[in-house]
Amino acid sequence: MDRFDPSDINIMGACGLGASFIDRPFTKIAELPCLSRGVHFLLPDIRNIIEVGNQYTRVVKINDDGKVTDSQESEKCAGGSGRVLQVFANVLGVGMEELGPLSEQSDRPAKFTTSCAVFLETEAISRVAEGIPASDIINGLHHTLTTKIAGMAKRLKISGDCAMTGGGAMDSGLTRTIENELGLKLHVPDQFMLASAIGAALIAAERGG
């Protein structure tokens, strides 16, 4: 991509927590419309979205125009979001990119008694002390997260292929577990971390035009 001067930008749109750090005029847009618009741009044939982000996990249904028709959102808690993946990676001393391949080595997921991030971290440390392999610990976390995601997806009666975005989309073990639980195919766009930003840019350009 060619470098550009920020002064060349005539219209700017932003959403989410990062919008508060922008130091120039911009159009503030709600997160869900940005996510749906961005995914529709990246994967025009997809009508369902699972976003596993840093603050929330969302399941969203969109129409043929890329507009939200229904959605479910987890509580604002690390245990219900992709942040808990980073917490476990830190406990186990591995990188986020290692979680998926690591979990694929497991055939006996560790059991967790809570979905709260604070207590999950404590339980993860306990499992390590008990000598449970890291692969089984990560696999168990994937199943815990998937239970929450599957509950939201089933309430929305999700069917057909689905896009997956947010930082959780880089975890192949999590995507595989969700696919197996819901019996659907997940598509991870190349710009899975930028879907909402792309949507914000498109919406801002349309409004500015």
N, C-alpha and C. Protein backbone atom coordinates (compact mmCIF):
# COMPACT_ATOMS: atom_id res chain seq x y z
N MET A 1 0.85 -1.20 0.00
CA MET A 1 0.00 0.00 0.00
C MET A 1 0.89 1.24 0.00
N ASP A 2 0.55 2.22 -0.85
CA ASP A 2 1.30 3.46 -0.91
C ASP A 2 1.09 4.26 0.36
N ARG A 3 2.14 4.96 0.78
CA ARG A 3 2.01 5.82 1.94
C ARG A 3 1.18 7.05 1.56
N PHE A 4 0.48 7.60 2.53
CA PHE A 4 -0.33 8.79 2.26
C PHE A 4 -0.18 9.77 3.41
N ASP A 5 -0.50 11.00 3.12
CA ASP A 5 -0.46 12.05 4.13
C ASP A 5 -1.85 12.16 4.75
N PRO A 6 -1.96 12.11 6.09
CA PRO A 6 -3.28 12.21 6.72
C PRO A 6 -4.07 13.43 6.27
N SER A 7 -3.36 14.48 5.85
CA SER A 7 -4.07 15.69 5.40
C SER A 7 -4.82 15.45 4.10
N ASP A 8 -4.51 14.34 3.41
CA ASP A 8 -5.21 14.01 2.17
C ASP A 8 -6.59 13.40 2.44
N ILE A 9 -6.87 13.03 3.69
CA ILE A 9 -8.15 12.40 4.03
C ILE A 9 -9.21 13.48 4.22
N ASN A 10 -10.27 13.40 3.43
CA ASN A 10 -11.33 14.39 3.51
C ASN A 10 -12.47 13.97 4.44
N ILE A 11 -12.71 12.66 4.52
CA ILE A 11 -13.81 12.14 5.32
C ILE A 11 -13.27 10.99 6.17
N MET A 12 -13.62 10.97 7.43
CA MET A 12 -13.16 9.90 8.31
C MET A 12 -14.32 9.39 9.15
N GLY A 13 -14.44 8.07 9.22
CA GLY A 13 -15.42 7.45 10.10
C GLY A 13 -14.73 6.55 11.09
N ALA A 14 -15.29 6.39 12.27
CA ALA A 14 -14.68 5.54 13.29
C ALA A 14 -15.76 4.97 14.19
N CYS A 15 -15.42 3.85 14.83
CA CYS A 15 -16.35 3.22 15.76
C CYS A 15 -15.54 2.55 16.87
N GLY A 16 -16.23 2.17 17.92
CA GLY A 16 -15.58 1.41 18.98
C GLY A 16 -14.72 2.25 19.90
N LEU A 17 -14.01 1.54 20.78
CA LEU A 17 -13.19 2.19 21.79
C LEU A 17 -12.11 3.07 21.17
N GLY A 18 -11.52 2.64 20.07
CA GLY A 18 -10.43 3.37 19.45
C GLY A 18 -10.81 4.75 18.94
N ALA A 19 -12.11 4.96 18.70
CA ALA A 19 -12.55 6.26 18.20
C ALA A 19 -12.21 7.40 19.16
N SER A 20 -12.14 7.08 20.44
CA SER A 20 -11.87 8.13 21.44
C SER A 20 -10.44 8.66 21.36
N PHE A 21 -9.58 7.98 20.61
CA PHE A 21 -8.18 8.41 20.51
C PHE A 21 -7.90 9.22 19.25
N ILE A 22 -8.90 9.43 18.42
CA ILE A 22 -8.70 10.18 17.17
C ILE A 22 -8.67 11.67 17.49
N ASP A 23 -7.66 12.34 16.99
CA ASP A 23 -7.45 13.75 17.36
C ASP A 23 -7.83 14.71 16.24
N ARG A 24 -8.72 14.27 15.35
CA ARG A 24 -9.18 15.16 14.29
C ARG A 24 -10.65 14.89 14.04
N PRO A 25 -11.36 15.77 13.35
CA PRO A 25 -12.80 15.57 13.15
C PRO A 25 -13.11 14.26 12.43
N PHE A 26 -14.14 13.58 12.90
CA PHE A 26 -14.55 12.33 12.27
C PHE A 26 -16.02 12.08 12.56
N THR A 27 -16.59 11.16 11.81
CA THR A 27 -17.97 10.76 12.02
C THR A 27 -17.99 9.53 12.92
N LYS A 28 -18.64 9.64 14.09
CA LYS A 28 -18.75 8.52 15.01
C LYS A 28 -19.94 7.66 14.58
N ILE A 29 -19.69 6.37 14.39
CA ILE A 29 -20.72 5.46 13.89
C ILE A 29 -20.82 4.27 14.84
N ALA A 30 -22.02 3.79 15.08
CA ALA A 30 -22.23 2.65 15.97
C ALA A 30 -21.49 1.42 15.45
N GLU A 31 -21.08 0.56 16.36
CA GLU A 31 -20.22 -0.57 16.00
C GLU A 31 -20.91 -1.61 15.11
N LEU A 32 -22.13 -1.97 15.44
CA LEU A 32 -22.79 -3.04 14.69
C LEU A 32 -22.97 -2.71 13.21
N PRO A 33 -23.45 -1.51 12.85
CA PRO A 33 -23.54 -1.19 11.43
C PRO A 33 -22.19 -1.23 10.72
N CYS A 34 -21.14 -0.81 11.42
CA CYS A 34 -19.80 -0.85 10.82
C CYS A 34 -19.36 -2.29 10.58
N LEU A 35 -19.58 -3.15 11.58
CA LEU A 35 -19.20 -4.55 11.44
C LEU A 35 -19.96 -5.20 10.28
N SER A 36 -21.26 -5.01 10.25
CA SER A 36 -22.06 -5.66 9.21
C SER A 36 -21.71 -5.15 7.83
N ARG A 37 -21.49 -3.84 7.73
CA ARG A 37 -21.14 -3.25 6.42
C ARG A 37 -19.78 -3.74 5.96
N GLY A 38 -18.83 -3.82 6.88
CA GLY A 38 -17.49 -4.28 6.52
C GLY A 38 -17.48 -5.73 6.09
N VAL A 39 -18.18 -6.58 6.82
CA VAL A 39 -18.23 -8.00 6.45
C VAL A 39 -18.95 -8.17 5.11
N HIS A 40 -20.01 -7.41 4.89
CA HIS A 40 -20.73 -7.51 3.62
C HIS A 40 -19.83 -7.11 2.45
N PHE A 41 -18.95 -6.14 2.69
CA PHE A 41 -17.99 -5.72 1.66
C PHE A 41 -16.95 -6.82 1.41
N LEU A 42 -16.46 -7.43 2.47
CA LEU A 42 -15.41 -8.44 2.35
C LEU A 42 -15.94 -9.79 1.87
N LEU A 43 -17.12 -10.17 2.35
CA LEU A 43 -17.72 -11.47 2.03
C LEU A 43 -19.19 -11.25 1.67
N PRO A 44 -19.46 -10.80 0.44
CA PRO A 44 -20.82 -10.39 0.08
C PRO A 44 -21.88 -11.47 0.14
N ASP A 45 -21.49 -12.74 0.13
CA ASP A 45 -22.49 -13.82 0.15
C ASP A 45 -22.85 -14.29 1.56
N ILE A 46 -22.16 -13.75 2.57
CA ILE A 46 -22.36 -14.19 3.95
C ILE A 46 -23.47 -13.37 4.61
N ARG A 47 -24.32 -14.07 5.40
CA ARG A 47 -25.42 -13.39 6.08
C ARG A 47 -25.37 -13.54 7.61
N ASN A 48 -24.34 -14.18 8.11
CA ASN A 48 -24.18 -14.36 9.56
C ASN A 48 -22.75 -14.01 9.96
N ILE A 49 -22.61 -13.42 11.14
CA ILE A 49 -21.29 -13.00 11.62
C ILE A 49 -21.12 -13.43 13.08
N ILE A 50 -19.95 -13.98 13.38
CA ILE A 50 -19.53 -14.18 14.78
C ILE A 50 -18.28 -13.34 14.98
N GLU A 51 -18.35 -12.40 15.90
CA GLU A 51 -17.20 -11.57 16.22
C GLU A 51 -16.73 -11.89 17.63
N VAL A 52 -15.49 -12.33 17.75
CA VAL A 52 -14.89 -12.58 19.06
C VAL A 52 -13.83 -11.51 19.26
N GLY A 53 -14.25 -10.41 19.88
CA GLY A 53 -13.37 -9.26 20.02
C GLY A 53 -12.80 -9.12 21.42
N ASN A 54 -12.13 -8.00 21.66
CA ASN A 54 -11.43 -7.79 22.92
C ASN A 54 -12.39 -7.49 24.08
N GLN A 55 -13.53 -6.88 23.75
CA GLN A 55 -14.48 -6.51 24.81
C GLN A 55 -15.74 -7.37 24.80
N TYR A 56 -16.17 -7.76 23.62
CA TYR A 56 -17.43 -8.49 23.50
C TYR A 56 -17.28 -9.66 22.53
N THR A 57 -18.23 -10.57 22.63
CA THR A 57 -18.48 -11.54 21.57
C THR A 57 -19.87 -11.24 21.05
N ARG A 58 -19.99 -11.18 19.72
CA ARG A 58 -21.27 -10.85 19.10
C ARG A 58 -21.62 -11.90 18.05
N VAL A 59 -22.91 -12.16 17.93
CA VAL A 59 -23.45 -12.96 16.84
C VAL A 59 -24.47 -12.08 16.13
N VAL A 60 -24.32 -11.93 14.82
CA VAL A 60 -25.11 -10.96 14.07
C VAL A 60 -25.67 -11.59 12.80
N LYS A 61 -26.92 -11.27 12.53
CA LYS A 61 -27.54 -11.64 11.26
C LYS A 61 -27.71 -10.38 10.42
N ILE A 62 -27.37 -10.47 9.12
CA ILE A 62 -27.51 -9.31 8.24
C ILE A 62 -28.33 -9.69 7.01
N ASN A 63 -28.85 -8.67 6.32
CA ASN A 63 -29.65 -8.94 5.13
C ASN A 63 -28.81 -8.79 3.86
N ASP A 64 -29.48 -8.84 2.72
CA ASP A 64 -28.76 -8.78 1.45
C ASP A 64 -28.07 -7.45 1.21
N ASP A 65 -28.47 -6.42 1.97
CA ASP A 65 -27.85 -5.10 1.83
C ASP A 65 -26.74 -4.87 2.86
N GLY A 66 -26.47 -5.89 3.67
CA GLY A 66 -25.43 -5.75 4.68
C GLY A 66 -25.88 -5.01 5.92
N LYS A 67 -27.18 -4.94 6.15
CA LYS A 67 -27.70 -4.26 7.34
C LYS A 67 -28.12 -5.28 8.39
N VAL A 68 -27.95 -4.92 9.65
CA VAL A 68 -28.25 -5.82 10.77
C VAL A 68 -29.75 -6.07 10.86
N THR A 69 -30.12 -7.34 10.96
CA THR A 69 -31.52 -7.70 11.19
C THR A 69 -31.75 -8.24 12.59
N ASP A 70 -30.72 -8.77 13.22
CA ASP A 70 -30.84 -9.27 14.59
C ASP A 70 -29.44 -9.51 15.13
N SER A 71 -29.30 -9.48 16.45
CA SER A 71 -27.97 -9.69 17.04
C SER A 71 -28.08 -10.11 18.49
N GLN A 72 -27.02 -10.72 18.96
CA GLN A 72 -26.84 -11.08 20.36
C GLN A 72 -25.44 -10.66 20.76
N GLU A 73 -25.29 -10.22 22.01
CA GLU A 73 -23.99 -9.74 22.48
C GLU A 73 -23.72 -10.27 23.88
N SER A 74 -22.50 -10.69 24.13
CA SER A 74 -22.13 -11.16 25.46
C SER A 74 -22.06 -9.98 26.42
N GLU A 75 -22.02 -10.28 27.70
CA GLU A 75 -21.80 -9.24 28.69
C GLU A 75 -20.40 -8.67 28.52
N LYS A 76 -20.21 -7.44 29.00
CA LYS A 76 -18.90 -6.81 28.88
C LYS A 76 -17.97 -7.40 29.94
N CYS A 77 -17.39 -8.52 29.61
CA CYS A 77 -16.55 -9.27 30.56
C CYS A 77 -15.51 -10.01 29.75
N ALA A 78 -14.28 -10.06 30.24
CA ALA A 78 -13.22 -10.74 29.50
C ALA A 78 -13.54 -12.20 29.26
N GLY A 79 -14.29 -12.81 30.20
CA GLY A 79 -14.64 -14.21 30.04
C GLY A 79 -15.57 -14.48 28.90
N GLY A 80 -16.27 -13.43 28.44
CA GLY A 80 -17.17 -13.59 27.31
C GLY A 80 -16.60 -13.03 26.03
N SER A 81 -15.31 -12.73 26.03
CA SER A 81 -14.69 -12.12 24.86
C SER A 81 -13.38 -12.82 24.53
N GLY A 82 -12.75 -12.35 23.46
CA GLY A 82 -11.49 -12.94 23.04
C GLY A 82 -10.33 -12.60 23.96
N ARG A 83 -10.54 -11.63 24.87
CA ARG A 83 -9.44 -11.25 25.76
C ARG A 83 -8.97 -12.43 26.61
N VAL A 84 -9.89 -13.34 26.93
CA VAL A 84 -9.51 -14.47 27.77
C VAL A 84 -8.53 -15.39 27.05
N LEU A 85 -8.53 -15.38 25.73
CA LEU A 85 -7.54 -16.15 24.98
C LEU A 85 -6.13 -15.64 25.27
N GLN A 86 -5.99 -14.30 25.31
CA GLN A 86 -4.69 -13.71 25.63
C GLN A 86 -4.29 -14.02 27.07
N VAL A 87 -5.28 -14.01 27.97
CA VAL A 87 -5.01 -14.34 29.37
C VAL A 87 -4.42 -15.75 29.47
N PHE A 88 -5.05 -16.71 28.78
CA PHE A 88 -4.57 -18.09 28.82
C PHE A 88 -3.21 -18.23 28.14
N ALA A 89 -3.02 -17.52 27.04
CA ALA A 89 -1.72 -17.57 26.37
C ALA A 89 -0.62 -17.10 27.32
N ASN A 90 -0.90 -16.04 28.08
CA ASN A 90 0.09 -15.54 29.04
C ASN A 90 0.36 -16.56 30.14
N VAL A 91 -0.70 -17.20 30.64
CA VAL A 91 -0.53 -18.22 31.70
C VAL A 91 0.35 -19.36 31.21
N LEU A 92 0.14 -19.76 29.96
CA LEU A 92 0.85 -20.91 29.41
C LEU A 92 2.19 -20.53 28.78
N GLY A 93 2.45 -19.23 28.65
CA GLY A 93 3.71 -18.79 28.09
C GLY A 93 3.84 -19.06 26.60
N VAL A 94 2.74 -18.92 25.88
CA VAL A 94 2.75 -19.14 24.43
C VAL A 94 2.17 -17.92 23.73
N GLY A 95 2.40 -17.83 22.42
CA GLY A 95 1.84 -16.74 21.63
C GLY A 95 0.42 -17.05 21.19
N MET A 96 -0.34 -16.02 20.88
CA MET A 96 -1.71 -16.21 20.42
C MET A 96 -1.77 -17.12 19.19
N GLU A 97 -0.77 -16.99 18.33
CA GLU A 97 -0.76 -17.78 17.09
C GLU A 97 -0.52 -19.27 17.36
N GLU A 98 -0.09 -19.60 18.57
CA GLU A 98 0.17 -21.00 18.91
C GLU A 98 -1.04 -21.71 19.49
N LEU A 99 -2.07 -20.98 19.86
CA LEU A 99 -3.21 -21.58 20.55
C LEU A 99 -3.92 -22.62 19.69
N GLY A 100 -4.19 -22.27 18.43
CA GLY A 100 -4.91 -23.19 17.55
C GLY A 100 -4.16 -24.49 17.33
N PRO A 101 -2.91 -24.43 16.84
CA PRO A 101 -2.14 -25.67 16.65
C PRO A 101 -1.97 -26.47 17.93
N LEU A 102 -1.85 -25.77 19.06
CA LEU A 102 -1.68 -26.46 20.34
C LEU A 102 -2.93 -27.26 20.68
N SER A 103 -4.09 -26.66 20.52
CA SER A 103 -5.34 -27.33 20.89
C SER A 103 -5.62 -28.54 20.01
N GLU A 104 -5.09 -28.53 18.78
CA GLU A 104 -5.30 -29.65 17.87
C GLU A 104 -4.57 -30.92 18.33
N GLN A 105 -3.65 -30.77 19.27
CA GLN A 105 -2.93 -31.92 19.81
C GLN A 105 -3.70 -32.59 20.95
N SER A 106 -4.84 -32.00 21.32
CA SER A 106 -5.59 -32.48 22.47
C SER A 106 -6.77 -33.35 22.06
N ASP A 107 -7.02 -34.40 22.84
CA ASP A 107 -8.23 -35.20 22.65
C ASP A 107 -9.02 -35.30 23.96
N ARG A 108 -8.61 -34.52 24.97
CA ARG A 108 -9.29 -34.54 26.26
C ARG A 108 -9.32 -33.12 26.83
N PRO A 109 -10.30 -32.31 26.41
CA PRO A 109 -10.34 -30.92 26.88
C PRO A 109 -10.49 -30.83 28.40
N ALA A 110 -9.71 -29.93 28.99
CA ALA A 110 -9.81 -29.71 30.43
C ALA A 110 -11.18 -29.12 30.77
N LYS A 111 -11.66 -29.43 31.95
CA LYS A 111 -12.95 -28.94 32.41
C LYS A 111 -12.76 -27.66 33.24
N PHE A 112 -13.62 -26.69 32.99
CA PHE A 112 -13.63 -25.46 33.78
C PHE A 112 -15.01 -25.27 34.39
N THR A 113 -15.05 -24.78 35.62
CA THR A 113 -16.32 -24.67 36.33
C THR A 113 -16.92 -23.28 36.27
N THR A 114 -16.26 -22.35 35.58
CA THR A 114 -16.73 -20.97 35.52
C THR A 114 -16.49 -20.40 34.13
N SER A 115 -17.17 -19.32 33.83
CA SER A 115 -16.91 -18.60 32.58
C SER A 115 -16.40 -17.19 32.88
N CYS A 116 -16.16 -16.88 34.15
CA CYS A 116 -15.61 -15.59 34.55
C CYS A 116 -14.11 -15.57 34.30
N ALA A 117 -13.62 -14.52 33.65
CA ALA A 117 -12.21 -14.48 33.25
C ALA A 117 -11.26 -14.58 34.45
N VAL A 118 -11.61 -13.89 35.56
CA VAL A 118 -10.73 -13.90 36.73
C VAL A 118 -10.59 -15.32 37.27
N PHE A 119 -11.71 -16.01 37.40
CA PHE A 119 -11.68 -17.36 37.94
C PHE A 119 -11.15 -18.36 36.91
N LEU A 120 -11.38 -18.09 35.62
CA LEU A 120 -10.82 -18.95 34.58
C LEU A 120 -9.29 -18.93 34.64
N GLU A 121 -8.74 -17.73 34.84
CA GLU A 121 -7.28 -17.63 34.94
C GLU A 121 -6.78 -18.43 36.14
N THR A 122 -7.48 -18.33 37.26
CA THR A 122 -7.09 -19.08 38.45
C THR A 122 -7.17 -20.58 38.19
N GLU A 123 -8.25 -21.00 37.53
CA GLU A 123 -8.40 -22.42 37.22
C GLU A 123 -7.33 -22.89 36.24
N ALA A 124 -6.96 -22.04 35.27
CA ALA A 124 -5.92 -22.40 34.32
C ALA A 124 -4.60 -22.64 35.04
N ILE A 125 -4.27 -21.76 36.00
CA ILE A 125 -3.04 -21.93 36.78
C ILE A 125 -3.10 -23.23 37.57
N SER A 126 -4.29 -23.53 38.11
CA SER A 126 -4.45 -24.78 38.86
C SER A 126 -4.26 -26.00 37.96
N ARG A 127 -4.80 -25.93 36.74
CA ARG A 127 -4.65 -27.07 35.81
C ARG A 127 -3.20 -27.30 35.44
N VAL A 128 -2.45 -26.19 35.28
CA VAL A 128 -1.01 -26.32 34.99
C VAL A 128 -0.32 -27.00 36.16
N ALA A 129 -0.67 -26.59 37.39
CA ALA A 129 -0.06 -27.17 38.59
C ALA A 129 -0.40 -28.65 38.72
N GLU A 130 -1.59 -29.02 38.21
CA GLU A 130 -2.01 -30.42 38.28
C GLU A 130 -1.33 -31.28 37.21
N GLY A 131 -0.57 -30.64 36.33
CA GLY A 131 0.15 -31.38 35.30
C GLY A 131 -0.67 -31.64 34.04
N ILE A 132 -1.80 -30.97 33.90
CA ILE A 132 -2.62 -31.15 32.70
C ILE A 132 -1.91 -30.47 31.54
N PRO A 133 -1.80 -31.15 30.39
CA PRO A 133 -1.08 -30.57 29.25
C PRO A 133 -1.69 -29.26 28.78
N ALA A 134 -0.83 -28.37 28.29
CA ALA A 134 -1.31 -27.08 27.78
C ALA A 134 -2.33 -27.25 26.66
N SER A 135 -2.15 -28.28 25.84
CA SER A 135 -3.08 -28.53 24.73
C SER A 135 -4.49 -28.79 25.25
N ASP A 136 -4.60 -29.56 26.35
CA ASP A 136 -5.91 -29.86 26.92
C ASP A 136 -6.53 -28.63 27.59
N ILE A 137 -5.68 -27.78 28.16
CA ILE A 137 -6.17 -26.56 28.81
C ILE A 137 -6.76 -25.61 27.76
N ILE A 138 -6.04 -25.42 26.67
CA ILE A 138 -6.55 -24.54 25.61
C ILE A 138 -7.80 -25.13 24.96
N ASN A 139 -7.79 -26.41 24.73
CA ASN A 139 -8.96 -27.07 24.15
C ASN A 139 -10.18 -26.89 25.06
N GLY A 140 -9.96 -26.99 26.36
CA GLY A 140 -11.05 -26.78 27.31
C GLY A 140 -11.58 -25.35 27.26
N LEU A 141 -10.67 -24.38 27.12
CA LEU A 141 -11.10 -22.99 27.00
C LEU A 141 -11.92 -22.79 25.74
N HIS A 142 -11.48 -23.40 24.64
CA HIS A 142 -12.23 -23.28 23.39
C HIS A 142 -13.66 -23.80 23.55
N HIS A 143 -13.81 -24.90 24.26
CA HIS A 143 -15.14 -25.44 24.49
C HIS A 143 -15.98 -24.52 25.39
N THR A 144 -15.34 -23.90 26.39
CA THR A 144 -16.05 -22.98 27.27
C THR A 144 -16.56 -21.76 26.49
N LEU A 145 -15.70 -21.18 25.67
CA LEU A 145 -16.10 -20.03 24.85
C LEU A 145 -17.17 -20.43 23.85
N THR A 146 -17.00 -21.60 23.25
CA THR A 146 -17.95 -22.05 22.23
C THR A 146 -19.34 -22.26 22.81
N THR A 147 -19.42 -22.72 24.05
CA THR A 147 -20.73 -22.89 24.69
C THR A 147 -21.49 -21.57 24.73
N LYS A 148 -20.80 -20.48 25.07
CA LYS A 148 -21.43 -19.16 25.10
C LYS A 148 -21.84 -18.73 23.70
N ILE A 149 -20.93 -18.90 22.75
CA ILE A 149 -21.20 -18.47 21.37
C ILE A 149 -22.35 -19.27 20.78
N ALA A 150 -22.35 -20.57 21.02
CA ALA A 150 -23.40 -21.43 20.48
C ALA A 150 -24.76 -21.04 21.05
N GLY A 151 -24.80 -20.66 22.32
CA GLY A 151 -26.06 -20.24 22.92
C GLY A 151 -26.64 -19.03 22.21
N MET A 152 -25.79 -18.04 21.91
CA MET A 152 -26.25 -16.85 21.19
C MET A 152 -26.68 -17.20 19.77
N ALA A 153 -25.88 -18.04 19.10
CA ALA A 153 -26.19 -18.42 17.72
C ALA A 153 -27.51 -19.17 17.62
N LYS A 154 -27.76 -20.03 18.58
CA LYS A 154 -29.00 -20.82 18.55
C LYS A 154 -30.21 -19.95 18.86
N ARG A 155 -30.04 -18.93 19.72
CA ARG A 155 -31.15 -18.03 19.98
C ARG A 155 -31.53 -17.24 18.73
N LEU A 156 -30.54 -16.97 17.89
CA LEU A 156 -30.80 -16.25 16.64
C LEU A 156 -31.19 -17.19 15.49
N LYS A 157 -31.15 -18.50 15.78
CA LYS A 157 -31.45 -19.50 14.75
C LYS A 157 -30.54 -19.34 13.52
N ILE A 158 -29.24 -19.20 13.81
CA ILE A 158 -28.25 -19.06 12.74
C ILE A 158 -28.21 -20.34 11.91
N SER A 159 -28.20 -20.17 10.60
CA SER A 159 -28.04 -21.31 9.69
C SER A 159 -27.25 -20.84 8.47
N GLY A 160 -26.56 -21.77 7.84
CA GLY A 160 -25.75 -21.40 6.68
C GLY A 160 -24.38 -20.94 7.09
N ASP A 161 -23.58 -20.57 6.10
CA ASP A 161 -22.21 -20.16 6.37
C ASP A 161 -22.16 -18.87 7.18
N CYS A 162 -21.03 -18.68 7.83
CA CYS A 162 -20.90 -17.57 8.78
C CYS A 162 -19.49 -16.98 8.68
N ALA A 163 -19.38 -15.66 8.79
CA ALA A 163 -18.08 -15.01 8.86
C ALA A 163 -17.63 -14.96 10.32
N MET A 164 -16.32 -14.99 10.51
CA MET A 164 -15.78 -14.82 11.86
C MET A 164 -14.74 -13.71 11.83
N THR A 165 -14.88 -12.75 12.74
CA THR A 165 -13.99 -11.61 12.79
C THR A 165 -13.51 -11.39 14.23
N GLY A 166 -12.67 -10.36 14.40
CA GLY A 166 -12.11 -10.08 15.72
C GLY A 166 -10.86 -10.91 15.96
N GLY A 167 -10.17 -10.61 17.04
CA GLY A 167 -8.92 -11.30 17.34
C GLY A 167 -9.08 -12.80 17.52
N GLY A 168 -10.26 -13.25 17.98
CA GLY A 168 -10.49 -14.68 18.14
C GLY A 168 -10.44 -15.44 16.84
N ALA A 169 -10.60 -14.73 15.71
CA ALA A 169 -10.60 -15.40 14.40
C ALA A 169 -9.22 -15.92 14.03
N MET A 170 -8.17 -15.43 14.70
CA MET A 170 -6.83 -15.94 14.39
C MET A 170 -6.57 -17.29 15.05
N ASP A 171 -7.47 -17.72 15.92
CA ASP A 171 -7.31 -18.97 16.66
C ASP A 171 -8.03 -20.10 15.92
N SER A 172 -7.29 -20.88 15.17
CA SER A 172 -7.89 -21.94 14.35
C SER A 172 -8.57 -23.00 15.21
N GLY A 173 -8.09 -23.19 16.42
CA GLY A 173 -8.71 -24.17 17.31
C GLY A 173 -10.10 -23.72 17.74
N LEU A 174 -10.26 -22.43 18.00
CA LEU A 174 -11.56 -21.90 18.38
C LEU A 174 -12.52 -21.98 17.21
N THR A 175 -12.07 -21.59 16.02
CA THR A 175 -12.96 -21.65 14.85
C THR A 175 -13.40 -23.09 14.58
N ARG A 176 -12.47 -24.02 14.73
CA ARG A 176 -12.82 -25.42 14.49
C ARG A 176 -13.85 -25.93 15.50
N THR A 177 -13.68 -25.55 16.77
CA THR A 177 -14.60 -25.98 17.82
C THR A 177 -16.00 -25.40 17.58
N ILE A 178 -16.06 -24.14 17.17
CA ILE A 178 -17.36 -23.52 16.87
C ILE A 178 -18.03 -24.23 15.69
N GLU A 179 -17.26 -24.50 14.65
CA GLU A 179 -17.81 -25.19 13.48
C GLU A 179 -18.39 -26.55 13.87
N ASN A 180 -17.66 -27.28 14.69
CA ASN A 180 -18.12 -28.61 15.09
C ASN A 180 -19.39 -28.53 15.95
N GLU A 181 -19.45 -27.54 16.82
CA GLU A 181 -20.60 -27.40 17.71
C GLU A 181 -21.86 -26.97 16.96
N LEU A 182 -21.70 -26.03 16.03
CA LEU A 182 -22.86 -25.47 15.33
C LEU A 182 -23.16 -26.17 14.01
N GLY A 183 -22.21 -26.96 13.53
CA GLY A 183 -22.43 -27.65 12.26
C GLY A 183 -22.51 -26.72 11.08
N LEU A 184 -21.68 -25.68 11.08
CA LEU A 184 -21.65 -24.74 9.96
C LEU A 184 -20.21 -24.40 9.60
N LYS A 185 -20.04 -23.75 8.46
CA LYS A 185 -18.72 -23.38 7.97
C LYS A 185 -18.43 -21.93 8.33
N LEU A 186 -17.29 -21.69 8.96
CA LEU A 186 -16.85 -20.33 9.28
C LEU A 186 -15.87 -19.85 8.22
N HIS A 187 -16.08 -18.64 7.75
CA HIS A 187 -15.18 -18.01 6.79
C HIS A 187 -14.48 -16.84 7.47
N VAL A 188 -13.15 -16.86 7.48
CA VAL A 188 -12.37 -15.80 8.10
C VAL A 188 -11.78 -14.93 6.99
N PRO A 189 -12.26 -13.70 6.83
CA PRO A 189 -11.71 -12.84 5.77
C PRO A 189 -10.26 -12.47 6.05
N ASP A 190 -9.51 -12.16 5.00
CA ASP A 190 -8.11 -11.79 5.18
C ASP A 190 -7.97 -10.60 6.13
N GLN A 191 -8.90 -9.66 6.06
CA GLN A 191 -8.84 -8.47 6.91
C GLN A 191 -9.78 -8.62 8.10
N PHE A 192 -9.73 -9.77 8.77
CA PHE A 192 -10.68 -10.06 9.86
C PHE A 192 -10.57 -9.08 11.02
N MET A 193 -9.41 -8.46 11.21
CA MET A 193 -9.25 -7.49 12.29
C MET A 193 -9.73 -6.09 11.88
N LEU A 194 -9.98 -5.89 10.60
CA LEU A 194 -10.31 -4.56 10.09
C LEU A 194 -11.74 -4.44 9.58
N ALA A 195 -12.55 -5.47 9.77
CA ALA A 195 -13.89 -5.46 9.19
C ALA A 195 -14.69 -4.24 9.63
N SER A 196 -14.69 -3.93 10.92
CA SER A 196 -15.46 -2.78 11.41
C SER A 196 -14.87 -1.47 10.91
N ALA A 197 -13.56 -1.37 10.84
CA ALA A 197 -12.92 -0.15 10.34
C ALA A 197 -13.26 0.07 8.87
N ILE A 198 -13.27 -1.01 8.10
CA ILE A 198 -13.65 -0.90 6.69
C ILE A 198 -15.10 -0.43 6.57
N GLY A 199 -15.97 -1.01 7.41
CA GLY A 199 -17.37 -0.60 7.41
C GLY A 199 -17.54 0.87 7.77
N ALA A 200 -16.78 1.33 8.77
CA ALA A 200 -16.86 2.74 9.18
C ALA A 200 -16.45 3.66 8.05
N ALA A 201 -15.39 3.28 7.33
CA ALA A 201 -14.92 4.09 6.21
C ALA A 201 -15.96 4.15 5.10
N LEU A 202 -16.58 3.02 4.80
CA LEU A 202 -17.59 2.98 3.74
C LEU A 202 -18.82 3.80 4.11
N ILE A 203 -19.28 3.67 5.35
CA ILE A 203 -20.47 4.41 5.79
C ILE A 203 -20.17 5.92 5.81
N ALA A 204 -19.00 6.29 6.31
CA ALA A 204 -18.64 7.71 6.35
C ALA A 204 -18.56 8.29 4.95
N ALA A 205 -17.99 7.52 4.02
CA ALA A 205 -17.88 8.00 2.64
C ALA A 205 -19.27 8.18 2.02
N GLU A 206 -20.17 7.25 2.30
CA GLU A 206 -21.53 7.36 1.77
C GLU A 206 -22.26 8.57 2.36
N ARG A 207 -22.10 8.81 3.63
CA ARG A 207 -22.76 9.95 4.27
C ARG A 207 -22.13 11.27 3.80
N GLY A 208 -20.83 11.23 3.61
CA GLY A 208 -20.14 12.45 3.19
C GLY A 208 -20.37 12.81 1.75
N GLY A 209 -20.74 11.76 0.95
CA GLY A 209 -20.95 12.00 -0.47
C GLY A 209 -22.27 12.65 -0.77
